[in-house]
Amino acid sequence: MIPRNQLRNKRCAAVLATALLFALVACGGGGSGKLTPTPNDVMMVVTPTPGTPVPHTPTPNTGQQTYTVREGDSLSSIAAKFDVTEKEIQEANHISNPDDIKAGDVLIIPTK
């Protein structure tokens, strides 16, 4: 004869297994195993191949670089950092008043 606490444990396990089975079926886990994609489902898998070199595409020299204005910068101090004139920076960025620059502005710095 099986002791009562072992019988109770077996019944609990059976009830839990049945509940799990119902939960799986209810959420689609007990179906045919086929997924039904929706129109918005997108999955991209990118797998690098070992040993394949990544092609290097040189960046063309556009004759300019950028600089993000920091607190306390002035057009003259920025020009001095890059060895260009204030006027060159103003022309490259269509700035009429040099006092209009503020921290966070991204300026085009022409190169020579």
PDB file of N, CA and C in Angstrom:
ATOM      1  N   MET A   1       0.838  -1.178   0.000  1.00  0.00           N
ATOM      2  CA  MET A   1       0.000   0.000   0.000  1.00  0.00           C
ATOM      3  C   MET A   1       0.886   1.246   0.000  1.00  0.00           C
ATOM      4  N   ILE A   2       0.446   2.298  -0.721  1.00  0.00           N
ATOM      5  CA  ILE A   2       1.197   3.542  -0.858  1.00  0.00           C
ATOM      6  C   ILE A   2       0.832   4.474   0.303  1.00  0.00           C
ATOM      7  N   PRO A   3       1.846   5.016   1.006  1.00  0.00           N
ATOM      8  CA  PRO A   3       1.544   5.959   2.093  1.00  0.00           C
ATOM      9  C   PRO A   3       0.794   7.182   1.566  1.00  0.00           C
ATOM     10  N   ARG A   4      -0.012   7.785   2.437  1.00  0.00           N
ATOM     11  CA  ARG A   4      -0.880   8.896   2.044  1.00  0.00           C
ATOM     12  C   ARG A   4      -0.111  10.095   1.477  1.00  0.00           C
ATOM     13  N   ASN A   5       1.006  10.491   2.098  1.00  0.00           N
ATOM     14  CA  ASN A   5       1.723  11.673   1.621  1.00  0.00           C
ATOM     15  C   ASN A   5       2.339  11.422   0.246  1.00  0.00           C
ATOM     16  N   GLN A   6       2.744  10.161  -0.055  1.00  0.00           N
ATOM     17  CA  GLN A   6       3.252   9.863  -1.401  1.00  0.00           C
ATOM     18  C   GLN A   6       2.121   9.916  -2.415  1.00  0.00           C
ATOM     19  N   LEU A   7       0.944   9.412  -2.034  1.00  0.00           N
ATOM     20  CA  LEU A   7      -0.222   9.448  -2.905  1.00  0.00           C
ATOM     21  C   LEU A   7      -0.623  10.893  -3.191  1.00  0.00           C
ATOM     22  N   ARG A   8      -0.595  11.720  -2.145  1.00  0.00           N
ATOM     23  CA  ARG A   8      -0.933  13.140  -2.299  1.00  0.00           C
ATOM     24  C   ARG A   8       0.074  13.816  -3.226  1.00  0.00           C
ATOM     25  N   ASN A   9       1.381  13.521  -3.094  1.00  0.00           N
ATOM     26  CA  ASN A   9       2.407  14.097  -3.963  1.00  0.00           C
ATOM     27  C   ASN A   9       2.184  13.692  -5.414  1.00  0.00           C
ATOM     28  N   LYS A  10       1.792  12.432  -5.636  1.00  0.00           N
ATOM     29  CA  LYS A  10       1.538  11.968  -7.006  1.00  0.00           C
ATOM     30  C   LYS A  10       0.323  12.675  -7.594  1.00  0.00           C
ATOM     31  N   ARG A  11      -0.720  12.874  -6.775  1.00  0.00           N
ATOM     32  CA  ARG A  11      -1.910  13.586  -7.257  1.00  0.00           C
ATOM     33  C   ARG A  11      -1.567  15.039  -7.598  1.00  0.00           C
ATOM     34  N   CYS A  12      -0.779  15.689  -6.745  1.00  0.00           N
ATOM     35  CA  CYS A  12      -0.356  17.078  -7.005  1.00  0.00           C
ATOM     36  C   CYS A  12       0.448  17.155  -8.293  1.00  0.00           C
ATOM     37  N   ALA A  13       1.345  16.198  -8.489  1.00  0.00           N
ATOM     38  CA  ALA A  13       2.152  16.184  -9.708  1.00  0.00           C
ATOM     39  C   ALA A  13       1.274  15.993 -10.932  1.00  0.00           C
ATOM     40  N   ALA A  14       0.262  15.122 -10.830  1.00  0.00           N
ATOM     41  CA  ALA A  14      -0.644  14.886 -11.948  1.00  0.00           C
ATOM     42  C   ALA A  14      -1.465  16.133 -12.261  1.00  0.00           C
ATOM     43  N   VAL A  15      -1.943  16.811 -11.205  1.00  0.00           N
ATOM     44  CA  VAL A  15      -2.727  18.042 -11.388  1.00  0.00           C
ATOM     45  C   VAL A  15      -1.849  19.127 -12.022  1.00  0.00           C
ATOM     46  N   LEU A  16      -0.618  19.270 -11.557  1.00  0.00           N
ATOM     47  CA  LEU A  16       0.289  20.273 -12.117  1.00  0.00           C
ATOM     48  C   LEU A  16       0.627  19.968 -13.570  1.00  0.00           C
ATOM     49  N   ALA A  17       0.861  18.694 -13.877  1.00  0.00           N
ATOM     50  CA  ALA A  17       1.171  18.308 -15.255  1.00  0.00           C
ATOM     51  C   ALA A  17      -0.008  18.593 -16.173  1.00  0.00           C
ATOM     52  N   THR A  18      -1.224  18.322 -15.705  1.00  0.00           N
ATOM     53  CA  THR A  18      -2.422  18.602 -16.503  1.00  0.00           C
ATOM     54  C   THR A  18      -2.597  20.100 -16.712  1.00  0.00           C
ATOM     55  N   ALA A  19      -2.371  20.887 -15.673  1.00  0.00           N
ATOM     56  CA  ALA A  19      -2.494  22.342 -15.789  1.00  0.00           C
ATOM     57  C   ALA A  19      -1.451  22.885 -16.760  1.00  0.00           C
ATOM     58  N   LEU A  20      -0.247  22.343 -16.705  1.00  0.00           N
ATOM     59  CA  LEU A  20       0.806  22.775 -17.622  1.00  0.00           C
ATOM     60  C   LEU A  20       0.445  22.437 -19.059  1.00  0.00           C
ATOM     61  N   LEU A  21      -0.113  21.252 -19.268  1.00  0.00           N
ATOM     62  CA  LEU A  21      -0.525  20.843 -20.598  1.00  0.00           C
ATOM     63  C   LEU A  21      -1.601  21.779 -21.138  1.00  0.00           C
ATOM     64  N   PHE A  22      -2.604  22.101 -20.315  1.00  0.00           N
ATOM     65  CA  PHE A  22      -3.644  23.028 -20.737  1.00  0.00           C
ATOM     66  C   PHE A  22      -3.068  24.412 -21.059  1.00  0.00           C
ATOM     67  N   ALA A  23      -2.128  24.859 -20.240  1.00  0.00           N
ATOM     68  CA  ALA A  23      -1.513  26.175 -20.477  1.00  0.00           C
ATOM     69  C   ALA A  23      -0.745  26.178 -21.796  1.00  0.00           C
ATOM     70  N   LEU A  24      -0.006  25.116 -22.074  1.00  0.00           N
ATOM     71  CA  LEU A  24       0.735  25.040 -23.331  1.00  0.00           C
ATOM     72  C   LEU A  24      -0.191  25.036 -24.534  1.00  0.00           C
ATOM     73  N   VAL A  25      -1.270  24.283 -24.457  1.00  0.00           N
ATOM     74  CA  VAL A  25      -2.221  24.220 -25.563  1.00  0.00           C
ATOM     75  C   VAL A  25      -2.905  25.571 -25.733  1.00  0.00           C
ATOM     76  N   ALA A  26      -3.238  26.227 -24.634  1.00  0.00           N
ATOM     77  CA  ALA A  26      -3.941  27.512 -24.704  1.00  0.00           C
ATOM     78  C   ALA A  26      -3.090  28.599 -25.340  1.00  0.00           C
ATOM     79  N   CYS A  27      -1.782  28.552 -25.131  1.00  0.00           N
ATOM     80  CA  CYS A  27      -0.926  29.606 -25.697  1.00  0.00           C
ATOM     81  C   CYS A  27      -0.256  29.157 -26.992  1.00  0.00           C
ATOM     82  N   GLY A  28      -0.691  28.053 -27.549  1.00  0.00           N
ATOM     83  CA  GLY A  28      -0.159  27.631 -28.833  1.00  0.00           C
ATOM     84  C   GLY A  28       1.023  26.717 -28.735  1.00  0.00           C
ATOM     85  N   GLY A  29       1.402  26.292 -27.558  1.00  0.00           N
ATOM     86  CA  GLY A  29       2.567  25.443 -27.394  1.00  0.00           C
ATOM     87  C   GLY A  29       2.320  23.986 -27.709  1.00  0.00           C
ATOM     88  N   GLY A  30       1.085  23.595 -27.887  1.00  0.00           N
ATOM     89  CA  GLY A  30       0.808  22.193 -28.143  1.00  0.00           C
ATOM     90  C   GLY A  30       0.366  21.932 -29.562  1.00  0.00           C
ATOM     91  N   GLY A  31       0.566  22.911 -30.452  1.00  0.00           N
ATOM     92  CA  GLY A  31       0.102  22.770 -31.834  1.00  0.00           C
ATOM     93  C   GLY A  31       1.034  21.930 -32.669  1.00  0.00           C
ATOM     94  N   SER A  32       0.974  22.153 -33.977  1.00  0.00           N
ATOM     95  CA  SER A  32       1.748  21.358 -34.918  1.00  0.00           C
ATOM     96  C   SER A  32       3.215  21.736 -34.934  1.00  0.00           C
ATOM     97  N   GLY A  33       3.580  22.798 -34.267  1.00  0.00           N
ATOM     98  CA  GLY A  33       4.969  23.233 -34.259  1.00  0.00           C
ATOM     99  C   GLY A  33       5.268  24.240 -35.354  1.00  0.00           C
ATOM    100  N   LYS A  34       4.301  24.516 -36.215  1.00  0.00           N
ATOM    101  CA  LYS A  34       4.502  25.487 -37.289  1.00  0.00           C
ATOM    102  C   LYS A  34       4.132  26.873 -36.776  1.00  0.00           C
ATOM    103  N   LEU A  35       4.960  27.850 -37.107  1.00  0.00           N
ATOM    104  CA  LEU A  35       4.679  29.226 -36.724  1.00  0.00           C
ATOM    105  C   LEU A  35       3.895  29.893 -37.824  1.00  0.00           C
ATOM    106  N   THR A  36       2.976  30.725 -37.439  1.00  0.00           N
ATOM    107  CA  THR A  36       2.207  31.471 -38.415  1.00  0.00           C
ATOM    108  C   THR A  36       2.675  32.918 -38.363  1.00  0.00           C
ATOM    109  N   PRO A  37       3.469  33.347 -39.359  1.00  0.00           N
ATOM    110  CA  PRO A  37       3.978  34.721 -39.316  1.00  0.00           C
ATOM    111  C   PRO A  37       2.878  35.725 -39.597  1.00  0.00           C
ATOM    112  N   THR A  38       3.029  36.880 -38.994  1.00  0.00           N
ATOM    113  CA  THR A  38       2.132  37.982 -39.284  1.00  0.00           C
ATOM    114  C   THR A  38       2.844  38.908 -40.249  1.00  0.00           C
ATOM    115  N   PRO A  39       2.128  39.787 -40.943  1.00  0.00           N
ATOM    116  CA  PRO A  39       2.780  40.658 -41.938  1.00  0.00           C
ATOM    117  C   PRO A  39       3.894  41.528 -41.386  1.00  0.00           C
ATOM    118  N   ASN A  40       3.873  41.824 -40.084  1.00  0.00           N
ATOM    119  CA  ASN A  40       4.885  42.711 -39.515  1.00  0.00           C
ATOM    120  C   ASN A  40       6.085  41.963 -38.954  1.00  0.00           C
ATOM    121  N   ASP A  41       6.058  40.617 -39.004  1.00  0.00           N
ATOM    122  CA  ASP A  41       7.178  39.844 -38.474  1.00  0.00           C
ATOM    123  C   ASP A  41       8.377  39.956 -39.401  1.00  0.00           C
ATOM    124  N   VAL A  42       9.507  40.337 -38.843  1.00  0.00           N
ATOM    125  CA  VAL A  42      10.753  40.420 -39.597  1.00  0.00           C
ATOM    126  C   VAL A  42      11.838  39.817 -38.738  1.00  0.00           C
ATOM    127  N   MET A  43      12.638  38.944 -39.336  1.00  0.00           N
ATOM    128  CA  MET A  43      13.740  38.375 -38.594  1.00  0.00           C
ATOM    129  C   MET A  43      14.970  38.415 -39.483  1.00  0.00           C
ATOM    130  N   MET A  44      16.002  39.075 -39.004  1.00  0.00           N
ATOM    131  CA  MET A  44      17.246  39.134 -39.739  1.00  0.00           C
ATOM    132  C   MET A  44      18.291  38.367 -38.953  1.00  0.00           C
ATOM    133  N   VAL A  45      18.991  37.499 -39.648  1.00  0.00           N
ATOM    134  CA  VAL A  45      20.073  36.758 -39.027  1.00  0.00           C
ATOM    135  C   VAL A  45      21.343  37.117 -39.776  1.00  0.00           C
ATOM    136  N   VAL A  46      22.292  37.685 -39.066  1.00  0.00           N
ATOM    137  CA  VAL A  46      23.561  38.058 -39.662  1.00  0.00           C
ATOM    138  C   VAL A  46      24.627  37.194 -39.011  1.00  0.00           C
ATOM    139  N   THR A  47      25.247  36.373 -39.825  1.00  0.00           N
ATOM    140  CA  THR A  47      26.265  35.476 -39.312  1.00  0.00           C
ATOM    141  C   THR A  47      27.568  35.759 -40.033  1.00  0.00           C
ATOM    142  N   PRO A  48      28.561  36.304 -39.338  1.00  0.00           N
ATOM    143  CA  PRO A  48      29.834  36.562 -39.998  1.00  0.00           C
ATOM    144  C   PRO A  48      30.535  35.246 -40.315  1.00  0.00           C
ATOM    145  N   THR A  49      31.149  35.214 -41.462  1.00  0.00           N
ATOM    146  CA  THR A  49      31.905  34.040 -41.855  1.00  0.00           C
ATOM    147  C   THR A  49      33.348  34.239 -41.418  1.00  0.00           C
ATOM    148  N   PRO A  50      33.869  33.330 -40.600  1.00  0.00           N
ATOM    149  CA  PRO A  50      35.247  33.494 -40.138  1.00  0.00           C
ATOM    150  C   PRO A  50      36.217  33.504 -41.315  1.00  0.00           C
ATOM    151  N   GLY A  51      37.165  34.387 -41.248  1.00  0.00           N
ATOM    152  CA  GLY A  51      38.192  34.453 -42.277  1.00  0.00           C
ATOM    153  C   GLY A  51      37.845  35.328 -43.461  1.00  0.00           C
ATOM    154  N   THR A  52      36.594  35.768 -43.563  1.00  0.00           N
ATOM    155  CA  THR A  52      36.221  36.636 -44.674  1.00  0.00           C
ATOM    156  C   THR A  52      36.553  38.068 -44.292  1.00  0.00           C
ATOM    157  N   PRO A  53      37.453  38.710 -45.045  1.00  0.00           N
ATOM    158  CA  PRO A  53      37.806  40.085 -44.687  1.00  0.00           C
ATOM    159  C   PRO A  53      36.660  41.045 -44.994  1.00  0.00           C
ATOM    160  N   VAL A  54      36.519  42.017 -44.148  1.00  0.00           N
ATOM    161  CA  VAL A  54      35.526  43.056 -44.355  1.00  0.00           C
ATOM    162  C   VAL A  54      36.118  44.063 -45.326  1.00  0.00           C
ATOM    163  N   PRO A  55      35.428  44.322 -46.440  1.00  0.00           N
ATOM    164  CA  PRO A  55      35.997  45.269 -47.397  1.00  0.00           C
ATOM    165  C   PRO A  55      36.076  46.669 -46.806  1.00  0.00           C
ATOM    166  N   HIS A  56      37.163  47.329 -47.048  1.00  0.00           N
ATOM    167  CA  HIS A  56      37.357  48.691 -46.541  1.00  0.00           C
ATOM    168  C   HIS A  56      36.996  49.680 -47.635  1.00  0.00           C
ATOM    169  N   THR A  57      36.011  50.493 -47.351  1.00  0.00           N
ATOM    170  CA  THR A  57      35.622  51.528 -48.289  1.00  0.00           C
ATOM    171  C   THR A  57      36.194  52.836 -47.770  1.00  0.00           C
ATOM    172  N   PRO A  58      37.151  53.394 -48.472  1.00  0.00           N
ATOM    173  CA  PRO A  58      37.735  54.642 -47.980  1.00  0.00           C
ATOM    174  C   PRO A  58      36.714  55.773 -47.980  1.00  0.00           C
ATOM    175  N   THR A  59      36.807  56.599 -46.953  1.00  0.00           N
ATOM    176  CA  THR A  59      35.934  57.762 -46.857  1.00  0.00           C
ATOM    177  C   THR A  59      36.517  58.865 -47.734  1.00  0.00           C
ATOM    178  N   PRO A  60      35.714  59.354 -48.652  1.00  0.00           N
ATOM    179  CA  PRO A  60      36.248  60.408 -49.509  1.00  0.00           C
ATOM    180  C   PRO A  60      36.528  61.673 -48.719  1.00  0.00           C
ATOM    181  N   ASN A  61      37.590  62.369 -49.073  1.00  0.00           N
ATOM    182  CA  ASN A  61      37.921  63.621 -48.409  1.00  0.00           C
ATOM    183  C   ASN A  61      37.019  64.705 -48.969  1.00  0.00           C
ATOM    184  N   THR A  62      36.101  65.168 -48.149  1.00  0.00           N
ATOM    185  CA  THR A  62      35.152  66.184 -48.594  1.00  0.00           C
ATOM    186  C   THR A  62      35.677  67.587 -48.336  1.00  0.00           C
ATOM    187  N   GLY A  63      36.875  67.676 -47.779  1.00  0.00           N
ATOM    188  CA  GLY A  63      37.436  68.989 -47.512  1.00  0.00           C
ATOM    189  C   GLY A  63      36.837  69.658 -46.297  1.00  0.00           C
ATOM    190  N   GLN A  64      36.194  68.892 -45.425  1.00  0.00           N
ATOM    191  CA  GLN A  64      35.609  69.479 -44.221  1.00  0.00           C
ATOM    192  C   GLN A  64      35.538  68.442 -43.113  1.00  0.00           C
ATOM    193  N   GLN A  65      35.418  68.931 -41.911  1.00  0.00           N
ATOM    194  CA  GLN A  65      35.168  68.099 -40.740  1.00  0.00           C
ATOM    195  C   GLN A  65      34.151  68.824 -39.893  1.00  0.00           C
ATOM    196  N   THR A  66      33.694  68.193 -38.828  1.00  0.00           N
ATOM    197  CA  THR A  66      32.706  68.859 -37.983  1.00  0.00           C
ATOM    198  C   THR A  66      33.265  69.035 -36.571  1.00  0.00           C
ATOM    199  N   TYR A  67      32.685  69.970 -35.872  1.00  0.00           N
ATOM    200  CA  TYR A  67      33.050  70.248 -34.486  1.00  0.00           C
ATOM    201  C   TYR A  67      31.778  70.595 -33.727  1.00  0.00           C
ATOM    202  N   THR A  68      31.588  69.976 -32.554  1.00  0.00           N
ATOM    203  CA  THR A  68      30.439  70.299 -31.713  1.00  0.00           C
ATOM    204  C   THR A  68      30.851  71.368 -30.717  1.00  0.00           C
ATOM    205  N   VAL A  69      30.138  72.474 -30.760  1.00  0.00           N
ATOM    206  CA  VAL A  69      30.444  73.619 -29.905  1.00  0.00           C
ATOM    207  C   VAL A  69      30.228  73.238 -28.448  1.00  0.00           C
ATOM    208  N   ARG A  70      31.199  73.623 -27.614  1.00  0.00           N
ATOM    209  CA  ARG A  70      31.121  73.369 -26.173  1.00  0.00           C
ATOM    210  C   ARG A  70      30.864  74.682 -25.445  1.00  0.00           C
ATOM    211  N   GLU A  71      30.425  74.546 -24.204  1.00  0.00           N
ATOM    212  CA  GLU A  71      30.185  75.723 -23.364  1.00  0.00           C
ATOM    213  C   GLU A  71      31.477  76.530 -23.276  1.00  0.00           C
ATOM    214  N   GLY A  72      31.394  77.828 -23.507  1.00  0.00           N
ATOM    215  CA  GLY A  72      32.559  78.710 -23.416  1.00  0.00           C
ATOM    216  C   GLY A  72      33.294  78.907 -24.734  1.00  0.00           C
ATOM    217  N   ASP A  73      32.952  78.126 -25.772  1.00  0.00           N
ATOM    218  CA  ASP A  73      33.594  78.296 -27.079  1.00  0.00           C
ATOM    219  C   ASP A  73      33.128  79.584 -27.744  1.00  0.00           C
ATOM    220  N   SER A  74      34.016  80.149 -28.524  1.00  0.00           N
ATOM    221  CA  SER A  74      33.652  81.277 -29.388  1.00  0.00           C
ATOM    222  C   SER A  74      34.101  80.900 -30.781  1.00  0.00           C
ATOM    223  N   LEU A  75      33.593  81.588 -31.759  1.00  0.00           N
ATOM    224  CA  LEU A  75      33.985  81.300 -33.133  1.00  0.00           C
ATOM    225  C   LEU A  75      35.484  81.502 -33.318  1.00  0.00           C
ATOM    226  N   SER A  76      36.030  82.524 -32.658  1.00  0.00           N
ATOM    227  CA  SER A  76      37.465  82.776 -32.797  1.00  0.00           C
ATOM    228  C   SER A  76      38.301  81.675 -32.149  1.00  0.00           C
ATOM    229  N   SER A  77      37.859  81.138 -30.993  1.00  0.00           N
ATOM    230  CA  SER A  77      38.625  80.071 -30.348  1.00  0.00           C
ATOM    231  C   SER A  77      38.547  78.773 -31.161  1.00  0.00           C
ATOM    232  N   ILE A  78      37.399  78.520 -31.769  1.00  0.00           N
ATOM    233  CA  ILE A  78      37.253  77.328 -32.609  1.00  0.00           C
ATOM    234  C   ILE A  78      38.125  77.468 -33.860  1.00  0.00           C
ATOM    235  N   ALA A  79      38.111  78.640 -34.450  1.00  0.00           N
ATOM    236  CA  ALA A  79      38.930  78.888 -35.639  1.00  0.00           C
ATOM    237  C   ALA A  79      40.412  78.679 -35.319  1.00  0.00           C
ATOM    238  N   ALA A  80      40.838  79.140 -34.154  1.00  0.00           N
ATOM    239  CA  ALA A  80      42.241  78.988 -33.759  1.00  0.00           C
ATOM    240  C   ALA A  80      42.608  77.511 -33.567  1.00  0.00           C
ATOM    241  N   LYS A  81      41.667  76.709 -33.011  1.00  0.00           N
ATOM    242  CA  LYS A  81      41.928  75.279 -32.811  1.00  0.00           C
ATOM    243  C   LYS A  81      42.198  74.562 -34.126  1.00  0.00           C
ATOM    244  N   PHE A  82      41.498  74.991 -35.173  1.00  0.00           N
ATOM    245  CA  PHE A  82      41.583  74.284 -36.448  1.00  0.00           C
ATOM    246  C   PHE A  82      42.413  75.023 -37.497  1.00  0.00           C
ATOM    247  N   ASP A  83      43.046  76.112 -37.086  1.00  0.00           N
ATOM    248  CA  ASP A  83      43.893  76.891 -37.984  1.00  0.00           C
ATOM    249  C   ASP A  83      43.146  77.331 -39.245  1.00  0.00           C
ATOM    250  N   VAL A  84      41.946  77.845 -39.014  1.00  0.00           N
ATOM    251  CA  VAL A  84      41.151  78.440 -40.091  1.00  0.00           C
ATOM    252  C   VAL A  84      40.678  79.805 -39.607  1.00  0.00           C
ATOM    253  N   THR A  85      40.095  80.560 -40.488  1.00  0.00           N
ATOM    254  CA  THR A  85      39.603  81.883 -40.084  1.00  0.00           C
ATOM    255  C   THR A  85      38.151  81.785 -39.641  1.00  0.00           C
ATOM    256  N   GLU A  86      37.756  82.772 -38.851  1.00  0.00           N
ATOM    257  CA  GLU A  86      36.349  82.855 -38.440  1.00  0.00           C
ATOM    258  C   GLU A  86      35.462  82.950 -39.675  1.00  0.00           C
ATOM    259  N   LYS A  87      35.903  83.747 -40.635  1.00  0.00           N
ATOM    260  CA  LYS A  87      35.108  83.960 -41.845  1.00  0.00           C
ATOM    261  C   LYS A  87      34.886  82.643 -42.601  1.00  0.00           C
ATOM    262  N   GLU A  88      35.903  81.778 -42.646  1.00  0.00           N
ATOM    263  CA  GLU A  88      35.758  80.496 -43.339  1.00  0.00           C
ATOM    264  C   GLU A  88      34.704  79.626 -42.646  1.00  0.00           C
ATOM    265  N   ILE A  89      34.714  79.638 -41.308  1.00  0.00           N
ATOM    266  CA  ILE A  89      33.708  78.872 -40.566  1.00  0.00           C
ATOM    267  C   ILE A  89      32.324  79.477 -40.781  1.00  0.00           C
ATOM    268  N   GLN A  90      32.236  80.795 -40.738  1.00  0.00           N
ATOM    269  CA  GLN A  90      30.956  81.465 -40.947  1.00  0.00           C
ATOM    270  C   GLN A  90      30.387  81.123 -42.322  1.00  0.00           C
ATOM    271  N   GLU A  91      31.221  81.164 -43.350  1.00  0.00           N
ATOM    272  CA  GLU A  91      30.753  80.877 -44.708  1.00  0.00           C
ATOM    273  C   GLU A  91      30.320  79.415 -44.851  1.00  0.00           C
ATOM    274  N   ALA A  92      31.081  78.501 -44.250  1.00  0.00           N
ATOM    275  CA  ALA A  92      30.757  77.075 -44.359  1.00  0.00           C
ATOM    276  C   ALA A  92      29.447  76.733 -43.643  1.00  0.00           C
ATOM    277  N   ASN A  93      29.082  77.547 -42.638  1.00  0.00           N
ATOM    278  CA  ASN A  93      27.892  77.257 -41.828  1.00  0.00           C
ATOM    279  C   ASN A  93      26.779  78.281 -41.992  1.00  0.00           C
ATOM    280  N   HIS A  94      26.956  79.212 -42.909  1.00  0.00           N
ATOM    281  CA  HIS A  94      25.954  80.258 -43.159  1.00  0.00           C
ATOM    282  C   HIS A  94      25.593  81.006 -41.875  1.00  0.00           C
ATOM    283  N   ILE A  95      26.637  81.423 -41.160  1.00  0.00           N
ATOM    284  CA  ILE A  95      26.463  82.163 -39.904  1.00  0.00           C
ATOM    285  C   ILE A  95      26.693  83.639 -40.198  1.00  0.00           C
ATOM    286  N   SER A  96      25.684  84.449 -39.922  1.00  0.00           N
ATOM    287  CA  SER A  96      25.847  85.886 -40.146  1.00  0.00           C
ATOM    288  C   SER A  96      26.388  86.581 -38.897  1.00  0.00           C
ATOM    289  N   ASN A  97      25.994  86.112 -37.716  1.00  0.00           N
ATOM    290  CA  ASN A  97      26.444  86.721 -36.464  1.00  0.00           C
ATOM    291  C   ASN A  97      27.246  85.667 -35.682  1.00  0.00           C
ATOM    292  N   PRO A  98      28.550  85.863 -35.504  1.00  0.00           N
ATOM    293  CA  PRO A  98      29.374  84.870 -34.805  1.00  0.00           C
ATOM    294  C   PRO A  98      28.960  84.634 -33.357  1.00  0.00           C
ATOM    295  N   ASP A  99      28.210  85.576 -32.770  1.00  0.00           N
ATOM    296  CA  ASP A  99      27.761  85.410 -31.384  1.00  0.00           C
ATOM    297  C   ASP A  99      26.542  84.487 -31.278  1.00  0.00           C
ATOM    298  N   ASP A 100      26.008  84.041 -32.425  1.00  0.00           N
ATOM    299  CA  ASP A 100      24.814  83.195 -32.410  1.00  0.00           C
ATOM    300  C   ASP A 100      25.107  81.715 -32.153  1.00  0.00           C
ATOM    301  N   ILE A 101      26.374  81.311 -32.089  1.00  0.00           N
ATOM    302  CA  ILE A 101      26.644  79.893 -31.844  1.00  0.00           C
ATOM    303  C   ILE A 101      26.423  79.578 -30.376  1.00  0.00           C
ATOM    304  N   LYS A 102      25.999  78.330 -30.116  1.00  0.00           N
ATOM    305  CA  LYS A 102      25.758  77.917 -28.726  1.00  0.00           C
ATOM    306  C   LYS A 102      26.215  76.480 -28.540  1.00  0.00           C
ATOM    307  N   ALA A 103      26.408  76.084 -27.298  1.00  0.00           N
ATOM    308  CA  ALA A 103      26.856  74.729 -26.978  1.00  0.00           C
ATOM    309  C   ALA A 103      25.898  73.715 -27.595  1.00  0.00           C
ATOM    310  N   GLY A 104      26.468  72.712 -28.233  1.00  0.00           N
ATOM    311  CA  GLY A 104      25.657  71.672 -28.875  1.00  0.00           C
ATOM    312  C   GLY A 104      25.543  71.847 -30.373  1.00  0.00           C
ATOM    313  N   ASP A 105      25.788  73.070 -30.875  1.00  0.00           N
ATOM    314  CA  ASP A 105      25.758  73.292 -32.327  1.00  0.00           C
ATOM    315  C   ASP A 105      26.876  72.480 -32.975  1.00  0.00           C
ATOM    316  N   VAL A 106      26.596  71.907 -34.128  1.00  0.00           N
ATOM    317  CA  VAL A 106      27.613  71.170 -34.871  1.00  0.00           C
ATOM    318  C   VAL A 106      28.017  72.042 -36.066  1.00  0.00           C
ATOM    319  N   LEU A 107      29.267  72.421 -36.077  1.00  0.00           N
ATOM    320  CA  LEU A 107      29.785  73.302 -37.128  1.00  0.00           C
ATOM    321  C   LEU A 107      30.622  72.523 -38.124  1.00  0.00           C
ATOM    322  N   ILE A 108      30.509  72.909 -39.379  1.00  0.00           N
ATOM    323  CA  ILE A 108      31.387  72.370 -40.404  1.00  0.00           C
ATOM    324  C   ILE A 108      32.666  73.184 -40.355  1.00  0.00           C
ATOM    325  N   ILE A 109      33.791  72.479 -40.277  1.00  0.00           N
ATOM    326  CA  ILE A 109      35.103  73.141 -40.245  1.00  0.00           C
ATOM    327  C   ILE A 109      35.773  72.848 -41.582  1.00  0.00           C
ATOM    328  N   PRO A 110      35.934  73.868 -42.425  1.00  0.00           N
ATOM    329  CA  PRO A 110      36.586  73.622 -43.705  1.00  0.00           C
ATOM    330  C   PRO A 110      38.068  73.276 -43.498  1.00  0.00           C
ATOM    331  N   THR A 111      38.557  72.353 -44.327  1.00  0.00           N
ATOM    332  CA  THR A 111      39.967  71.992 -44.244  1.00  0.00           C
ATOM    333  C   THR A 111      40.691  72.559 -45.441  1.00  0.00           C
ATOM    334  N   LYS A 112      41.970  72.688 -45.286  1.00  0.00           N
ATOM    335  CA  LYS A 112      42.775  73.288 -46.367  1.00  0.00           C
ATOM    336  C   LYS A 112      43.391  72.221 -47.226  1.00  0.00           C
TER     337      LYS A 112
END
